[in-house]
Amino acid sequence: MSLTREDVRAAIERAGDEHWRALVAHHEEAYPASRPTPGDVSRREAERLNEMGYGDAQRWELVETHVRRDHDRVALVHRFRDRQAGTTVETEPYTDYE
């Protein structure tokens, strides 16, 4: 089963309230400019992660997602558990949400 927007949002929330607030602030502080909403980011991240092969639920478990803000940029880093190997991996920071 593929990852969904709700999966990514839950992973951000598992990382802690400050990560969800950082994503919301990234959207709101740009007003009146238009940045993607937290829901848009979550949906696009789910699509991107599925394309990278992380949507394979038999192999990968999305543990949590960290949101890092740097001025006008936001970076998302996902932590996955490899169910087969029993190891944890992190994705490279992804920053294409300006």
C-alpha atoms as a PDB file:
ATOM      1  CA  MET A   1       0.000   0.000   0.000  1.00  0.00           C
ATOM      2  CA  SER A   2       1.318   3.456  -0.901  1.00  0.00           C
ATOM      3  CA  LEU A   3       1.981   6.290   1.505  1.00  0.00           C
ATOM      4  CA  THR A   4      -0.761   8.903   1.774  1.00  0.00           C
ATOM      5  CA  ARG A   5      -0.955  12.534   2.789  1.00  0.00           C
ATOM      6  CA  GLU A   6      -2.325  11.400   6.148  1.00  0.00           C
ATOM      7  CA  ASP A   7       0.680   9.101   6.678  1.00  0.00           C
ATOM      8  CA  VAL A   8       3.114  11.961   6.139  1.00  0.00           C
ATOM      9  CA  ARG A   9       1.126  14.331   8.352  1.00  0.00           C
ATOM     10  CA  ALA A  10       1.040  11.726  11.142  1.00  0.00           C
ATOM     11  CA  ALA A  11       4.803  11.231  10.789  1.00  0.00           C
ATOM     12  CA  ILE A  12       5.348  14.981  11.171  1.00  0.00           C
ATOM     13  CA  GLU A  13       3.128  15.020  14.252  1.00  0.00           C
ATOM     14  CA  ARG A  14       5.009  12.036  15.745  1.00  0.00           C
ATOM     15  CA  ALA A  15       8.220  14.052  15.483  1.00  0.00           C
ATOM     16  CA  GLY A  16       6.673  16.642  17.810  1.00  0.00           C
ATOM     17  CA  ASP A  17       4.387  19.651  17.724  1.00  0.00           C
ATOM     18  CA  GLU A  18       7.237  21.991  16.810  1.00  0.00           C
ATOM     19  CA  HIS A  19       7.628  20.238  13.442  1.00  0.00           C
ATOM     20  CA  TRP A  20       3.964  20.657  12.486  1.00  0.00           C
ATOM     21  CA  ARG A  21       4.029  24.272  13.708  1.00  0.00           C
ATOM     22  CA  ALA A  22       7.140  24.921  11.579  1.00  0.00           C
ATOM     23  CA  LEU A  23       5.327  23.692   8.472  1.00  0.00           C
ATOM     24  CA  VAL A  24       2.238  25.774   9.272  1.00  0.00           C
ATOM     25  CA  ALA A  25       4.379  28.863   9.917  1.00  0.00           C
ATOM     26  CA  HIS A  26       6.191  28.354   6.610  1.00  0.00           C
ATOM     27  CA  HIS A  27       2.822  28.634   4.878  1.00  0.00           C
ATOM     28  CA  GLU A  28       1.262  31.407   6.980  1.00  0.00           C
ATOM     29  CA  GLU A  29       4.250  33.739   7.314  1.00  0.00           C
ATOM     30  CA  ALA A  30       4.476  34.083   3.543  1.00  0.00           C
ATOM     31  CA  TYR A  31       1.112  35.886   3.410  1.00  0.00           C
ATOM     32  CA  PRO A  32       0.106  37.393   1.027  1.00  0.00           C
ATOM     33  CA  ALA A  33       2.480  35.281  -1.077  1.00  0.00           C
ATOM     34  CA  SER A  34       1.252  31.779  -1.776  1.00  0.00           C
ATOM     35  CA  ARG A  35       3.267  28.868  -0.431  1.00  0.00           C
ATOM     36  CA  PRO A  36       1.910  25.322  -0.357  1.00  0.00           C
ATOM     37  CA  THR A  37      -0.327  24.485   2.598  1.00  0.00           C
ATOM     38  CA  PRO A  38       0.831  21.829   5.079  1.00  0.00           C
ATOM     39  CA  GLY A  39      -1.692  19.462   3.479  1.00  0.00           C
ATOM     40  CA  ASP A  40      -0.291  20.173   0.002  1.00  0.00           C
ATOM     41  CA  VAL A  41       3.250  19.504   1.233  1.00  0.00           C
ATOM     42  CA  SER A  42       2.156  16.268   2.917  1.00  0.00           C
ATOM     43  CA  ARG A  43       0.393  15.078  -0.249  1.00  0.00           C
ATOM     44  CA  ARG A  44       3.335  15.928  -2.512  1.00  0.00           C
ATOM     45  CA  GLU A  45       5.785  14.325  -0.100  1.00  0.00           C
ATOM     46  CA  ALA A  46       3.726  11.119  -0.068  1.00  0.00           C
ATOM     47  CA  GLU A  47       3.812  11.068  -3.873  1.00  0.00           C
ATOM     48  CA  ARG A  48       7.562  11.743  -3.931  1.00  0.00           C
ATOM     49  CA  LEU A  49       8.307   9.066  -1.320  1.00  0.00           C
ATOM     50  CA  ASN A  50       6.170   6.530  -3.197  1.00  0.00           C
ATOM     51  CA  GLU A  51       8.138   7.283  -6.380  1.00  0.00           C
ATOM     52  CA  MET A  52      11.364   6.667  -4.417  1.00  0.00           C
ATOM     53  CA  GLY A  53      10.081   3.215  -3.393  1.00  0.00           C
ATOM     54  CA  TYR A  54       9.226   3.981   0.256  1.00  0.00           C
ATOM     55  CA  GLY A  55       5.542   3.236  -0.324  1.00  0.00           C
ATOM     56  CA  ASP A  56       6.220  -0.505   0.004  1.00  0.00           C
ATOM     57  CA  ALA A  57       4.556  -1.076   3.405  1.00  0.00           C
ATOM     58  CA  GLN A  58       5.858  -4.634   3.621  1.00  0.00           C
ATOM     59  CA  ARG A  59       9.397  -3.273   3.676  1.00  0.00           C
ATOM     60  CA  TRP A  60       9.237   0.325   4.964  1.00  0.00           C
ATOM     61  CA  GLU A  61       7.608   1.922   8.001  1.00  0.00           C
ATOM     62  CA  LEU A  62       7.508   5.737   8.093  1.00  0.00           C
ATOM     63  CA  VAL A  63       8.586   6.415  11.665  1.00  0.00           C
ATOM     64  CA  GLU A  64       8.640  10.223  11.753  1.00  0.00           C
ATOM     65  CA  THR A  65       9.261  13.310   9.652  1.00  0.00           C
ATOM     66  CA  HIS A  66      11.242  16.334  10.792  1.00  0.00           C
ATOM     67  CA  VAL A  67      10.563  19.810   9.431  1.00  0.00           C
ATOM     68  CA  ARG A  68      13.467  22.259   9.486  1.00  0.00           C
ATOM     69  CA  ARG A  69      13.051  25.931   8.666  1.00  0.00           C
ATOM     70  CA  ASP A  70      15.791  28.220   7.434  1.00  0.00           C
ATOM     71  CA  HIS A  71      14.485  31.691   6.586  1.00  0.00           C
ATOM     72  CA  ASP A  72      12.270  31.238   3.507  1.00  0.00           C
ATOM     73  CA  ARG A  73      12.998  27.541   3.082  1.00  0.00           C
ATOM     74  CA  VAL A  74      11.617  24.442   4.692  1.00  0.00           C
ATOM     75  CA  ALA A  75      13.341  21.052   4.594  1.00  0.00           C
ATOM     76  CA  LEU A  76      11.715  17.702   5.301  1.00  0.00           C
ATOM     77  CA  VAL A  77      13.701  14.705   6.536  1.00  0.00           C
ATOM     78  CA  HIS A  78      11.937  11.352   6.846  1.00  0.00           C
ATOM     79  CA  ARG A  79      13.007   8.502   9.105  1.00  0.00           C
ATOM     80  CA  PHE A  80      12.052   5.019   7.890  1.00  0.00           C
ATOM     81  CA  ARG A  81      12.454   1.633   9.524  1.00  0.00           C
ATOM     82  CA  ASP A  82      13.450  -1.143   7.151  1.00  0.00           C
ATOM     83  CA  ARG A  83      11.248  -4.003   8.326  1.00  0.00           C
ATOM     84  CA  GLN A  84      13.404  -6.608   6.575  1.00  0.00           C
ATOM     85  CA  ALA A  85      16.807  -5.483   7.861  1.00  0.00           C
ATOM     86  CA  GLY A  86      15.605  -4.014  11.162  1.00  0.00           C
ATOM     87  CA  THR A  87      17.567  -0.820  10.531  1.00  0.00           C
ATOM     88  CA  THR A  88      16.559   2.833  10.401  1.00  0.00           C
ATOM     89  CA  VAL A  89      17.396   5.177   7.522  1.00  0.00           C
ATOM     90  CA  GLU A  90      16.869   8.893   6.951  1.00  0.00           C
ATOM     91  CA  THR A  91      16.199  10.609   3.653  1.00  0.00           C
ATOM     92  CA  GLU A  92      18.272  13.542   2.521  1.00  0.00           C
ATOM     93  CA  PRO A  93      16.640  16.904   3.354  1.00  0.00           C
ATOM     94  CA  TYR A  94      14.167  17.877   0.642  1.00  0.00           C
ATOM     95  CA  THR A  95      13.676  21.615   0.169  1.00  0.00           C
ATOM     96  CA  ASP A  96      11.539  22.124  -2.922  1.00  0.00           C
ATOM     97  CA  TYR A  97       8.667  23.756  -0.999  1.00  0.00           C
ATOM     98  CA  GLU A  98       9.330  27.484  -1.206  1.00  0.00           C
END
